[in-house]
Amino acid sequence: MAYSASGLTRIGGDSNGSLWRYTTTDAIATVNTAGYFNDAASMLAVRDLVVVHDTNTPTTNFVTVLSNTGTVVDVSDGTAVAETDGD
């Protein structure tokens, strides 16, 4: 699949950075590919945090924006959120 603008929502932030939620059916291996968020380059800033919700698997990962040239966005590989219930 490809980036979908309707899946990206700004949760909050200030001049120091923003927190975003991105909902997709894409796996984190697709989302963390350099260029995936290029269409959001005007919104995402370096060090912004994106909570990625893969509704297909389902999984949740945290990624940070590592670089943004204004046209090419690259995010970190992602840190998985453990979604287990041991009780």
C-alpha atoms as a PDB file:
ATOM      1  CA  MET A   1       0.000   0.000   0.000  1.00  0.00           C
ATOM      2  CA  ALA A   2       0.976   3.640   0.127  1.00  0.00           C
ATOM      3  CA  TYR A   3       0.783   6.515   2.567  1.00  0.00           C
ATOM      4  CA  SER A   4      -2.774   7.742   3.107  1.00  0.00           C
ATOM      5  CA  ALA A   5      -3.237  11.299   4.379  1.00  0.00           C
ATOM      6  CA  SER A   6      -6.543  10.357   6.006  1.00  0.00           C
ATOM      7  CA  GLY A   7      -4.664   8.048   8.383  1.00  0.00           C
ATOM      8  CA  LEU A   8      -2.401  10.773   9.838  1.00  0.00           C
ATOM      9  CA  THR A   9      -3.728  12.879  12.712  1.00  0.00           C
ATOM     10  CA  ARG A  10      -1.827  15.360  14.866  1.00  0.00           C
ATOM     11  CA  ILE A  11      -2.547  14.606  18.515  1.00  0.00           C
ATOM     12  CA  GLY A  12      -0.651  17.529  19.974  1.00  0.00           C
ATOM     13  CA  GLY A  13       2.611  19.346  20.284  1.00  0.00           C
ATOM     14  CA  ASP A  14       4.284  22.720  20.316  1.00  0.00           C
ATOM     15  CA  SER A  15       7.231  24.480  18.689  1.00  0.00           C
ATOM     16  CA  ASN A  16       9.518  21.695  19.986  1.00  0.00           C
ATOM     17  CA  GLY A  17       7.741  18.868  18.185  1.00  0.00           C
ATOM     18  CA  SER A  18       4.491  17.086  17.531  1.00  0.00           C
ATOM     19  CA  LEU A  19       2.860  13.788  18.409  1.00  0.00           C
ATOM     20  CA  TRP A  20       1.028  12.075  15.559  1.00  0.00           C
ATOM     21  CA  ARG A  21      -1.185   9.022  15.162  1.00  0.00           C
ATOM     22  CA  TYR A  22      -1.047   7.123  11.903  1.00  0.00           C
ATOM     23  CA  THR A  23      -3.536   4.337  11.188  1.00  0.00           C
ATOM     24  CA  THR A  24      -2.832   2.030   8.257  1.00  0.00           C
ATOM     25  CA  THR A  25      -3.085  -1.526   7.002  1.00  0.00           C
ATOM     26  CA  ASP A  26       0.610  -1.372   6.066  1.00  0.00           C
ATOM     27  CA  ALA A  27       3.164  -3.306   8.101  1.00  0.00           C
ATOM     28  CA  ILE A  28       5.841  -1.347   9.966  1.00  0.00           C
ATOM     29  CA  ALA A  29       8.455  -2.640   7.480  1.00  0.00           C
ATOM     30  CA  THR A  30       6.610  -0.690   4.781  1.00  0.00           C
ATOM     31  CA  VAL A  31       5.895   2.402   6.871  1.00  0.00           C
ATOM     32  CA  ASN A  32       9.520   2.805   8.000  1.00  0.00           C
ATOM     33  CA  THR A  33      10.827   2.834   4.436  1.00  0.00           C
ATOM     34  CA  ALA A  34      12.482   6.128   3.475  1.00  0.00           C
ATOM     35  CA  GLY A  35      10.035   8.153   1.414  1.00  0.00           C
ATOM     36  CA  TYR A  36       6.851   6.580   2.766  1.00  0.00           C
ATOM     37  CA  PHE A  37       5.739   9.861   4.391  1.00  0.00           C
ATOM     38  CA  ASN A  38       6.915  12.148   1.555  1.00  0.00           C
ATOM     39  CA  ASP A  39       3.385  13.465   0.964  1.00  0.00           C
ATOM     40  CA  ALA A  40       3.368  14.665   4.594  1.00  0.00           C
ATOM     41  CA  ALA A  41       6.737  16.445   4.341  1.00  0.00           C
ATOM     42  CA  SER A  42       5.122  19.850   4.908  1.00  0.00           C
ATOM     43  CA  MET A  43       3.647  18.653   8.220  1.00  0.00           C
ATOM     44  CA  LEU A  44       6.259  16.359   9.777  1.00  0.00           C
ATOM     45  CA  ALA A  45       9.367  17.760  11.455  1.00  0.00           C
ATOM     46  CA  VAL A  46      12.574  16.079  12.563  1.00  0.00           C
ATOM     47  CA  ARG A  47      12.112  14.464  15.996  1.00  0.00           C
ATOM     48  CA  ASP A  48       8.308  14.332  15.717  1.00  0.00           C
ATOM     49  CA  LEU A  49       6.908  11.116  17.185  1.00  0.00           C
ATOM     50  CA  VAL A  50       4.410   9.039  15.214  1.00  0.00           C
ATOM     51  CA  VAL A  51       2.360   6.261  16.815  1.00  0.00           C
ATOM     52  CA  VAL A  52       1.752   3.805  13.981  1.00  0.00           C
ATOM     53  CA  HIS A  53      -1.291   1.538  14.274  1.00  0.00           C
ATOM     54  CA  ASP A  54      -1.296  -1.369  11.807  1.00  0.00           C
ATOM     55  CA  THR A  55      -4.942  -2.422  11.772  1.00  0.00           C
ATOM     56  CA  ASN A  56      -4.213  -5.459   9.612  1.00  0.00           C
ATOM     57  CA  THR A  57      -1.890  -7.325  12.024  1.00  0.00           C
ATOM     58  CA  PRO A  58      -2.739  -5.517  14.550  1.00  0.00           C
ATOM     59  CA  THR A  59       0.397  -3.940  15.999  1.00  0.00           C
ATOM     60  CA  THR A  60       1.493  -0.563  17.357  1.00  0.00           C
ATOM     61  CA  ASN A  61       4.931   0.997  16.888  1.00  0.00           C
ATOM     62  CA  PHE A  62       6.557   4.290  17.779  1.00  0.00           C
ATOM     63  CA  VAL A  63       8.638   5.923  15.021  1.00  0.00           C
ATOM     64  CA  THR A  64      10.461   9.243  15.039  1.00  0.00           C
ATOM     65  CA  VAL A  65      11.160  11.466  12.080  1.00  0.00           C
ATOM     66  CA  LEU A  66      14.913  11.186  11.478  1.00  0.00           C
ATOM     67  CA  SER A  67      15.161  13.512   8.495  1.00  0.00           C
ATOM     68  CA  ASN A  68      12.987  15.709   6.318  1.00  0.00           C
ATOM     69  CA  THR A  69      14.486  17.539   3.343  1.00  0.00           C
ATOM     70  CA  GLY A  70      11.163  19.178   2.533  1.00  0.00           C
ATOM     71  CA  THR A  71      10.418  16.507  -0.041  1.00  0.00           C
ATOM     72  CA  VAL A  72      11.887  13.274   1.382  1.00  0.00           C
ATOM     73  CA  VAL A  73      10.951  12.038   4.854  1.00  0.00           C
ATOM     74  CA  ASP A  74      12.725   9.202   6.664  1.00  0.00           C
ATOM     75  CA  VAL A  75      11.543   7.712   9.950  1.00  0.00           C
ATOM     76  CA  SER A  76      13.161   5.327  12.421  1.00  0.00           C
ATOM     77  CA  ASP A  77      12.696   1.558  12.214  1.00  0.00           C
ATOM     78  CA  GLY A  78      10.093   1.631  14.962  1.00  0.00           C
ATOM     79  CA  THR A  79       9.806   0.472  18.533  1.00  0.00           C
ATOM     80  CA  ALA A  80       7.079  -2.110  19.040  1.00  0.00           C
ATOM     81  CA  VAL A  81       4.559  -1.681  21.819  1.00  0.00           C
ATOM     82  CA  ALA A  82       3.973  -4.976  23.631  1.00  0.00           C
ATOM     83  CA  GLU A  83       0.307  -5.838  23.293  1.00  0.00           C
ATOM     84  CA  THR A  84       0.051  -8.842  25.528  1.00  0.00           C
ATOM     85  CA  ASP A  85      -2.161  -9.557  28.487  1.00  0.00           C
ATOM     86  CA  GLY A  86      -0.571 -12.017  30.855  1.00  0.00           C
ATOM     87  CA  ASP A  87      -3.446 -12.364  33.307  1.00  0.00           C
END
